[in-house]
Amino acid sequence: MSRNNERNIKKHNDKLHKAQDKVKQAEITRKEKLKQIVKMFNEANASDKK
């Protein structure tokens, strides 16, 4: 019997896609946090220059 049966392939792909989604979500979260930090920094600089 082959190890590359449908169930094992599906299980592997699900695991792979879950890991890829996790990486993608972490990247999105990181970008959002960076945007917030930049926004706060810009607001602080704008108030300092007045």
N, C-alpha and C. Protein backbone atom coordinates (compact mmCIF):
# COMPACT_ATOMS: atom_id res chain seq x y z
N MET A 1 0.84 -1.19 0.00
CA MET A 1 0.00 0.00 0.00
C MET A 1 0.88 1.24 0.00
N SER A 2 0.51 2.20 -0.78
CA SER A 2 1.29 3.42 -0.92
C SER A 2 1.04 4.37 0.25
N ARG A 3 2.09 5.09 0.62
CA ARG A 3 1.92 6.09 1.67
C ARG A 3 1.28 7.36 1.13
N ASN A 4 1.35 7.54 -0.20
CA ASN A 4 0.78 8.73 -0.81
C ASN A 4 -0.68 8.51 -1.18
N ASN A 5 -1.48 8.13 -0.20
CA ASN A 5 -2.90 7.97 -0.48
C ASN A 5 -3.61 9.31 -0.25
N GLU A 6 -4.86 9.35 -0.66
CA GLU A 6 -5.62 10.62 -0.63
C GLU A 6 -5.68 11.23 0.77
N ARG A 7 -5.90 10.39 1.77
CA ARG A 7 -6.05 10.90 3.13
C ARG A 7 -4.76 11.56 3.61
N ASN A 8 -3.62 10.90 3.35
CA ASN A 8 -2.35 11.46 3.79
C ASN A 8 -2.01 12.74 3.03
N ILE A 9 -2.31 12.76 1.74
CA ILE A 9 -2.05 13.95 0.93
C ILE A 9 -2.90 15.11 1.45
N LYS A 10 -4.17 14.85 1.72
CA LYS A 10 -5.07 15.90 2.22
C LYS A 10 -4.60 16.40 3.58
N LYS A 11 -4.21 15.48 4.45
CA LYS A 11 -3.74 15.86 5.78
C LYS A 11 -2.50 16.75 5.67
N HIS A 12 -1.58 16.35 4.80
CA HIS A 12 -0.36 17.13 4.60
C HIS A 12 -0.68 18.52 4.04
N ASN A 13 -1.53 18.58 3.03
CA ASN A 13 -1.89 19.86 2.42
C ASN A 13 -2.59 20.77 3.41
N ASP A 14 -3.48 20.20 4.23
CA ASP A 14 -4.17 21.01 5.24
C ASP A 14 -3.18 21.60 6.23
N LYS A 15 -2.23 20.77 6.64
CA LYS A 15 -1.20 21.22 7.58
C LYS A 15 -0.35 22.32 6.95
N LEU A 16 0.03 22.12 5.70
CA LEU A 16 0.84 23.09 4.97
C LEU A 16 0.11 24.40 4.81
N HIS A 17 -1.15 24.34 4.40
CA HIS A 17 -1.93 25.56 4.18
C HIS A 17 -2.17 26.29 5.49
N LYS A 18 -2.36 25.55 6.56
CA LYS A 18 -2.56 26.17 7.87
C LYS A 18 -1.30 26.93 8.28
N ALA A 19 -0.14 26.35 8.04
CA ALA A 19 1.13 27.01 8.37
C ALA A 19 1.33 28.24 7.49
N GLN A 20 0.99 28.13 6.21
CA GLN A 20 1.14 29.27 5.30
C GLN A 20 0.20 30.40 5.70
N ASP A 21 -1.03 30.07 6.10
CA ASP A 21 -1.99 31.08 6.54
C ASP A 21 -1.50 31.77 7.80
N LYS A 22 -0.88 31.00 8.69
CA LYS A 22 -0.36 31.56 9.93
C LYS A 22 0.74 32.58 9.64
N VAL A 23 1.63 32.24 8.71
CA VAL A 23 2.72 33.15 8.32
C VAL A 23 2.15 34.41 7.69
N LYS A 24 1.18 34.21 6.81
CA LYS A 24 0.56 35.35 6.11
C LYS A 24 -0.14 36.27 7.12
N GLN A 25 -0.85 35.69 8.08
CA GLN A 25 -1.55 36.47 9.09
C GLN A 25 -0.57 37.24 9.96
N ALA A 26 0.55 36.61 10.31
CA ALA A 26 1.58 37.28 11.11
C ALA A 26 2.15 38.47 10.35
N GLU A 27 2.34 38.32 9.05
CA GLU A 27 2.87 39.41 8.23
C GLU A 27 1.89 40.58 8.17
N ILE A 28 0.61 40.27 8.02
CA ILE A 28 -0.42 41.31 7.99
C ILE A 28 -0.47 42.05 9.33
N THR A 29 -0.42 41.31 10.42
CA THR A 29 -0.44 41.90 11.76
C THR A 29 0.76 42.80 11.96
N ARG A 30 1.93 42.35 11.52
CA ARG A 30 3.15 43.13 11.65
C ARG A 30 3.04 44.45 10.88
N LYS A 31 2.49 44.39 9.66
CA LYS A 31 2.32 45.59 8.85
C LYS A 31 1.35 46.57 9.51
N GLU A 32 0.26 46.05 10.09
CA GLU A 32 -0.71 46.91 10.76
C GLU A 32 -0.08 47.60 11.97
N LYS A 33 0.70 46.86 12.75
CA LYS A 33 1.37 47.44 13.91
C LYS A 33 2.36 48.51 13.48
N LEU A 34 3.08 48.25 12.40
CA LEU A 34 4.04 49.23 11.88
C LEU A 34 3.32 50.50 11.45
N LYS A 35 2.17 50.36 10.79
CA LYS A 35 1.39 51.53 10.38
C LYS A 35 0.98 52.35 11.59
N GLN A 36 0.55 51.68 12.66
CA GLN A 36 0.14 52.39 13.87
C GLN A 36 1.32 53.12 14.49
N ILE A 37 2.47 52.48 14.53
CA ILE A 37 3.66 53.09 15.11
C ILE A 37 4.07 54.31 14.29
N VAL A 38 4.06 54.19 12.97
CA VAL A 38 4.42 55.31 12.09
C VAL A 38 3.44 56.45 12.28
N LYS A 39 2.16 56.12 12.38
CA LYS A 39 1.13 57.15 12.57
C LYS A 39 1.36 57.89 13.89
N MET A 40 1.62 57.15 14.96
CA MET A 40 1.87 57.78 16.26
C MET A 40 3.13 58.64 16.20
N PHE A 41 4.16 58.15 15.54
CA PHE A 41 5.41 58.89 15.41
C PHE A 41 5.18 60.19 14.65
N ASN A 42 4.44 60.10 13.54
CA ASN A 42 4.16 61.29 12.74
C ASN A 42 3.33 62.31 13.52
N GLU A 43 2.36 61.84 14.29
CA GLU A 43 1.55 62.74 15.11
C GLU A 43 2.41 63.41 16.17
N ALA A 44 3.31 62.66 16.78
CA ALA A 44 4.19 63.22 17.80
C ALA A 44 5.12 64.27 17.19
N ASN A 45 5.65 63.99 16.01
CA ASN A 45 6.54 64.94 15.34
C ASN A 45 5.78 66.18 14.91
N ALA A 46 4.56 66.03 14.46
CA ALA A 46 3.75 67.17 14.03
C ALA A 46 3.47 68.09 15.21
N SER A 47 3.19 67.52 16.37
CA SER A 47 2.91 68.35 17.55
C SER A 47 4.19 69.00 18.08
N ASP A 48 5.33 68.36 17.90
CA ASP A 48 6.61 68.93 18.34
C ASP A 48 7.02 70.13 17.50
N LYS A 49 6.69 70.10 16.23
CA LYS A 49 7.13 71.15 15.30
C LYS A 49 6.28 72.41 15.40
N LYS A 50 5.11 72.32 16.01
CA LYS A 50 4.23 73.50 16.10
C LYS A 50 4.71 74.50 17.10
